[in-house]
Amino acid sequence: MYHYTYVLLSRKDGKFYTGYTKDLKGRFEEHHRGGVKSTKDRRPLELIYYEACRDRNDARHREQYLKTHHGKMFLHNRLKSYLTGSKSF
């Protein structure tokens, strides 16, 4: 079974929320409904990135990395065209 590291974008404050879960769809629905304390007041939320990991520890470590300065730089570079609205093919 895979575990997922994911990033949500708050359309309210423009900031990211990073987490991990074994049920990506269910966890996103929980965020969407307001069932997660840390994102309840930051809705609406959009799932903008996720990675599948082989186990919980890998997903948790990846989440911790994405919350660091270097991890945030990785995300901004990875999502640059999405975040700026420019499409380059």
N, C-alpha and C. Protein backbone atom coordinates (compact mmCIF):
# COMPACT_ATOMS: atom_id res chain seq x y z
N MET A 1 0.84 -1.19 0.00
CA MET A 1 0.00 0.00 0.00
C MET A 1 0.89 1.25 0.00
N TYR A 2 0.52 2.20 -0.80
CA TYR A 2 1.26 3.45 -0.87
C TYR A 2 0.80 4.43 0.21
N HIS A 3 1.69 5.31 0.55
CA HIS A 3 1.38 6.47 1.38
C HIS A 3 1.73 7.69 0.54
N TYR A 4 1.07 8.79 0.80
CA TYR A 4 1.21 9.97 -0.05
C TYR A 4 1.65 11.19 0.76
N THR A 5 2.54 11.94 0.17
CA THR A 5 2.89 13.26 0.65
C THR A 5 2.17 14.23 -0.29
N TYR A 6 1.50 15.21 0.27
CA TYR A 6 0.69 16.08 -0.58
C TYR A 6 0.84 17.54 -0.16
N VAL A 7 0.52 18.41 -1.11
CA VAL A 7 0.57 19.85 -0.87
C VAL A 7 -0.75 20.45 -1.33
N LEU A 8 -1.35 21.22 -0.44
CA LEU A 8 -2.57 21.95 -0.74
C LEU A 8 -2.24 23.43 -0.86
N LEU A 9 -2.95 24.12 -1.71
CA LEU A 9 -2.83 25.57 -1.83
C LEU A 9 -4.12 26.18 -1.31
N SER A 10 -3.97 27.08 -0.35
CA SER A 10 -5.14 27.80 0.17
C SER A 10 -5.46 28.93 -0.78
N ARG A 11 -6.65 28.93 -1.31
CA ARG A 11 -7.09 30.04 -2.18
C ARG A 11 -7.44 31.27 -1.35
N LYS A 12 -7.55 31.10 -0.05
CA LYS A 12 -7.86 32.23 0.84
C LYS A 12 -6.61 33.04 1.16
N ASP A 13 -5.51 32.36 1.54
CA ASP A 13 -4.31 33.09 1.94
C ASP A 13 -3.11 32.87 1.02
N GLY A 14 -3.26 32.00 0.01
CA GLY A 14 -2.20 31.78 -0.96
C GLY A 14 -1.02 30.97 -0.44
N LYS A 15 -1.18 30.35 0.73
CA LYS A 15 -0.08 29.59 1.33
C LYS A 15 -0.31 28.09 1.15
N PHE A 16 0.81 27.35 1.30
CA PHE A 16 0.78 25.90 1.17
C PHE A 16 0.49 25.23 2.51
N TYR A 17 -0.09 24.06 2.42
CA TYR A 17 -0.20 23.14 3.55
C TYR A 17 0.37 21.82 3.05
N THR A 18 1.30 21.24 3.79
CA THR A 18 1.93 19.99 3.40
C THR A 18 1.61 18.92 4.44
N GLY A 19 1.23 17.73 3.97
CA GLY A 19 0.91 16.64 4.87
C GLY A 19 1.19 15.30 4.23
N TYR A 20 0.89 14.24 4.96
CA TYR A 20 1.01 12.89 4.40
C TYR A 20 -0.16 12.04 4.90
N THR A 21 -0.49 11.03 4.12
CA THR A 21 -1.64 10.18 4.42
C THR A 21 -1.55 8.87 3.64
N LYS A 22 -2.30 7.89 4.07
CA LYS A 22 -2.40 6.66 3.27
C LYS A 22 -3.65 6.67 2.40
N ASP A 23 -4.54 7.64 2.61
CA ASP A 23 -5.78 7.77 1.82
C ASP A 23 -5.88 9.20 1.30
N LEU A 24 -5.26 9.44 0.16
CA LEU A 24 -5.19 10.80 -0.38
C LEU A 24 -6.57 11.39 -0.65
N LYS A 25 -7.43 10.64 -1.29
CA LYS A 25 -8.76 11.16 -1.62
C LYS A 25 -9.56 11.45 -0.35
N GLY A 26 -9.56 10.54 0.59
CA GLY A 26 -10.29 10.73 1.84
C GLY A 26 -9.75 11.90 2.65
N ARG A 27 -8.43 12.02 2.68
CA ARG A 27 -7.83 13.12 3.45
C ARG A 27 -8.16 14.47 2.81
N PHE A 28 -8.11 14.54 1.47
CA PHE A 28 -8.46 15.80 0.81
C PHE A 28 -9.92 16.16 1.09
N GLU A 29 -10.80 15.18 1.05
CA GLU A 29 -12.21 15.44 1.34
C GLU A 29 -12.39 15.94 2.78
N GLU A 30 -11.59 15.39 3.69
CA GLU A 30 -11.63 15.84 5.08
C GLU A 30 -11.21 17.31 5.18
N HIS A 31 -10.14 17.68 4.48
CA HIS A 31 -9.72 19.09 4.43
C HIS A 31 -10.84 19.95 3.84
N HIS A 32 -11.40 19.49 2.73
CA HIS A 32 -12.44 20.23 2.01
C HIS A 32 -13.67 20.50 2.88
N ARG A 33 -14.04 19.52 3.69
CA ARG A 33 -15.20 19.66 4.58
C ARG A 33 -14.93 20.53 5.79
N GLY A 34 -13.67 20.86 6.05
CA GLY A 34 -13.33 21.64 7.24
C GLY A 34 -13.04 20.79 8.45
N GLY A 35 -12.77 19.50 8.23
CA GLY A 35 -12.52 18.58 9.33
C GLY A 35 -11.09 18.54 9.83
N VAL A 36 -10.21 19.37 9.26
CA VAL A 36 -8.82 19.42 9.70
C VAL A 36 -8.58 20.80 10.32
N LYS A 37 -8.24 20.79 11.58
CA LYS A 37 -8.11 22.04 12.35
C LYS A 37 -7.17 23.05 11.69
N SER A 38 -6.03 22.59 11.20
CA SER A 38 -5.02 23.52 10.67
C SER A 38 -5.41 24.14 9.33
N THR A 39 -6.39 23.58 8.62
CA THR A 39 -6.78 24.17 7.33
C THR A 39 -8.24 24.62 7.31
N LYS A 40 -8.95 24.40 8.39
CA LYS A 40 -10.39 24.71 8.44
C LYS A 40 -10.69 26.15 8.02
N ASP A 41 -9.91 27.10 8.52
CA ASP A 41 -10.16 28.52 8.23
C ASP A 41 -9.40 29.01 7.01
N ARG A 42 -8.78 28.09 6.27
CA ARG A 42 -7.99 28.49 5.09
C ARG A 42 -8.64 28.01 3.79
N ARG A 43 -9.86 27.52 3.87
CA ARG A 43 -10.56 27.04 2.68
C ARG A 43 -11.04 28.20 1.83
N PRO A 44 -11.18 27.99 0.53
CA PRO A 44 -11.08 26.75 -0.23
C PRO A 44 -9.62 26.34 -0.46
N LEU A 45 -9.44 25.03 -0.60
CA LEU A 45 -8.13 24.43 -0.79
C LEU A 45 -8.08 23.68 -2.11
N GLU A 46 -6.91 23.66 -2.69
CA GLU A 46 -6.71 22.95 -3.95
C GLU A 46 -5.52 22.01 -3.80
N LEU A 47 -5.70 20.77 -4.19
CA LEU A 47 -4.58 19.82 -4.21
C LEU A 47 -3.72 20.16 -5.41
N ILE A 48 -2.48 20.59 -5.16
CA ILE A 48 -1.64 21.01 -6.28
C ILE A 48 -0.45 20.10 -6.53
N TYR A 49 -0.16 19.18 -5.58
CA TYR A 49 1.00 18.32 -5.76
C TYR A 49 0.89 17.13 -4.83
N TYR A 50 1.31 15.97 -5.30
CA TYR A 50 1.43 14.82 -4.41
C TYR A 50 2.49 13.86 -4.95
N GLU A 51 3.03 13.07 -4.04
CA GLU A 51 4.00 12.04 -4.38
C GLU A 51 3.56 10.75 -3.69
N ALA A 52 3.72 9.63 -4.37
CA ALA A 52 3.44 8.32 -3.77
C ALA A 52 4.75 7.77 -3.20
N CYS A 53 4.67 7.26 -1.98
CA CYS A 53 5.83 6.68 -1.30
C CYS A 53 5.51 5.24 -0.94
N ARG A 54 6.54 4.42 -0.83
CA ARG A 54 6.36 2.99 -0.57
C ARG A 54 5.89 2.69 0.85
N ASP A 55 6.19 3.57 1.80
CA ASP A 55 5.74 3.31 3.16
C ASP A 55 5.56 4.62 3.93
N ARG A 56 5.00 4.50 5.13
CA ARG A 56 4.66 5.66 5.95
C ARG A 56 5.89 6.49 6.31
N ASN A 57 6.98 5.82 6.67
CA ASN A 57 8.19 6.56 7.05
C ASN A 57 8.74 7.39 5.90
N ASP A 58 8.74 6.84 4.69
CA ASP A 58 9.20 7.61 3.53
C ASP A 58 8.32 8.83 3.31
N ALA A 59 7.01 8.65 3.42
CA ALA A 59 6.08 9.77 3.22
C ALA A 59 6.29 10.85 4.29
N ARG A 60 6.48 10.41 5.53
CA ARG A 60 6.68 11.36 6.63
C ARG A 60 7.99 12.13 6.45
N HIS A 61 9.05 11.44 6.04
CA HIS A 61 10.33 12.12 5.80
C HIS A 61 10.23 13.09 4.63
N ARG A 62 9.51 12.70 3.61
CA ARG A 62 9.34 13.59 2.46
C ARG A 62 8.53 14.83 2.87
N GLU A 63 7.51 14.65 3.69
CA GLU A 63 6.74 15.78 4.20
C GLU A 63 7.66 16.73 4.97
N GLN A 64 8.49 16.19 5.84
CA GLN A 64 9.41 17.02 6.62
C GLN A 64 10.36 17.79 5.70
N TYR A 65 10.87 17.12 4.66
CA TYR A 65 11.75 17.80 3.72
C TYR A 65 11.02 18.93 3.00
N LEU A 66 9.82 18.68 2.52
CA LEU A 66 9.09 19.71 1.77
C LEU A 66 8.75 20.93 2.62
N LYS A 67 8.80 20.79 3.94
CA LYS A 67 8.54 21.91 4.83
C LYS A 67 9.80 22.73 5.12
N THR A 68 10.96 22.25 4.67
CA THR A 68 12.21 22.99 4.87
C THR A 68 12.37 24.05 3.78
N HIS A 69 13.35 24.91 3.97
CA HIS A 69 13.64 25.94 2.96
C HIS A 69 13.94 25.30 1.60
N HIS A 70 14.79 24.28 1.60
CA HIS A 70 15.14 23.62 0.33
C HIS A 70 13.94 22.90 -0.28
N GLY A 71 13.10 22.31 0.56
CA GLY A 71 11.90 21.66 0.07
C GLY A 71 10.93 22.64 -0.55
N LYS A 72 10.79 23.80 0.06
CA LYS A 72 9.92 24.84 -0.50
C LYS A 72 10.46 25.35 -1.82
N MET A 73 11.79 25.47 -1.92
CA MET A 73 12.40 25.89 -3.19
C MET A 73 12.13 24.83 -4.26
N PHE A 74 12.24 23.55 -3.91
CA PHE A 74 11.94 22.46 -4.84
C PHE A 74 10.52 22.58 -5.35
N LEU A 75 9.57 22.77 -4.43
CA LEU A 75 8.16 22.89 -4.84
C LEU A 75 7.92 24.08 -5.75
N HIS A 76 8.49 25.22 -5.41
CA HIS A 76 8.29 26.40 -6.25
C HIS A 76 8.88 26.19 -7.63
N ASN A 77 10.04 25.54 -7.72
CA ASN A 77 10.62 25.26 -9.03
C ASN A 77 9.80 24.23 -9.79
N ARG A 78 9.34 23.21 -9.10
CA ARG A 78 8.55 22.13 -9.71
C ARG A 78 7.21 22.65 -10.22
N LEU A 79 6.64 23.61 -9.51
CA LEU A 79 5.30 24.11 -9.82
C LEU A 79 5.32 25.51 -10.43
N LYS A 80 6.48 25.95 -10.86
CA LYS A 80 6.64 27.33 -11.33
C LYS A 80 5.61 27.74 -12.37
N SER A 81 5.44 26.94 -13.41
CA SER A 81 4.50 27.33 -14.46
C SER A 81 3.06 27.32 -13.95
N TYR A 82 2.74 26.40 -13.06
CA TYR A 82 1.39 26.36 -12.49
C TYR A 82 1.14 27.58 -11.63
N LEU A 83 2.10 27.91 -10.78
CA LEU A 83 1.91 29.02 -9.83
C LEU A 83 1.92 30.38 -10.52
N THR A 84 2.62 30.51 -11.62
CA THR A 84 2.67 31.80 -12.31
C THR A 84 1.62 31.90 -13.41
N GLY A 85 1.00 30.76 -13.73
CA GLY A 85 -0.03 30.77 -14.76
C GLY A 85 0.53 30.69 -16.17
N SER A 86 1.84 30.56 -16.31
CA SER A 86 2.43 30.47 -17.64
C SER A 86 2.56 29.00 -18.05
N LYS A 87 2.31 28.73 -19.28
CA LYS A 87 2.40 27.38 -19.80
C LYS A 87 3.55 27.35 -20.82
N SER A 88 4.56 26.54 -20.54
CA SER A 88 5.64 26.40 -21.50
C SER A 88 5.81 24.92 -21.82
N PHE A 89 5.62 24.57 -23.08
CA PHE A 89 5.68 23.17 -23.49
C PHE A 89 6.91 22.95 -24.34
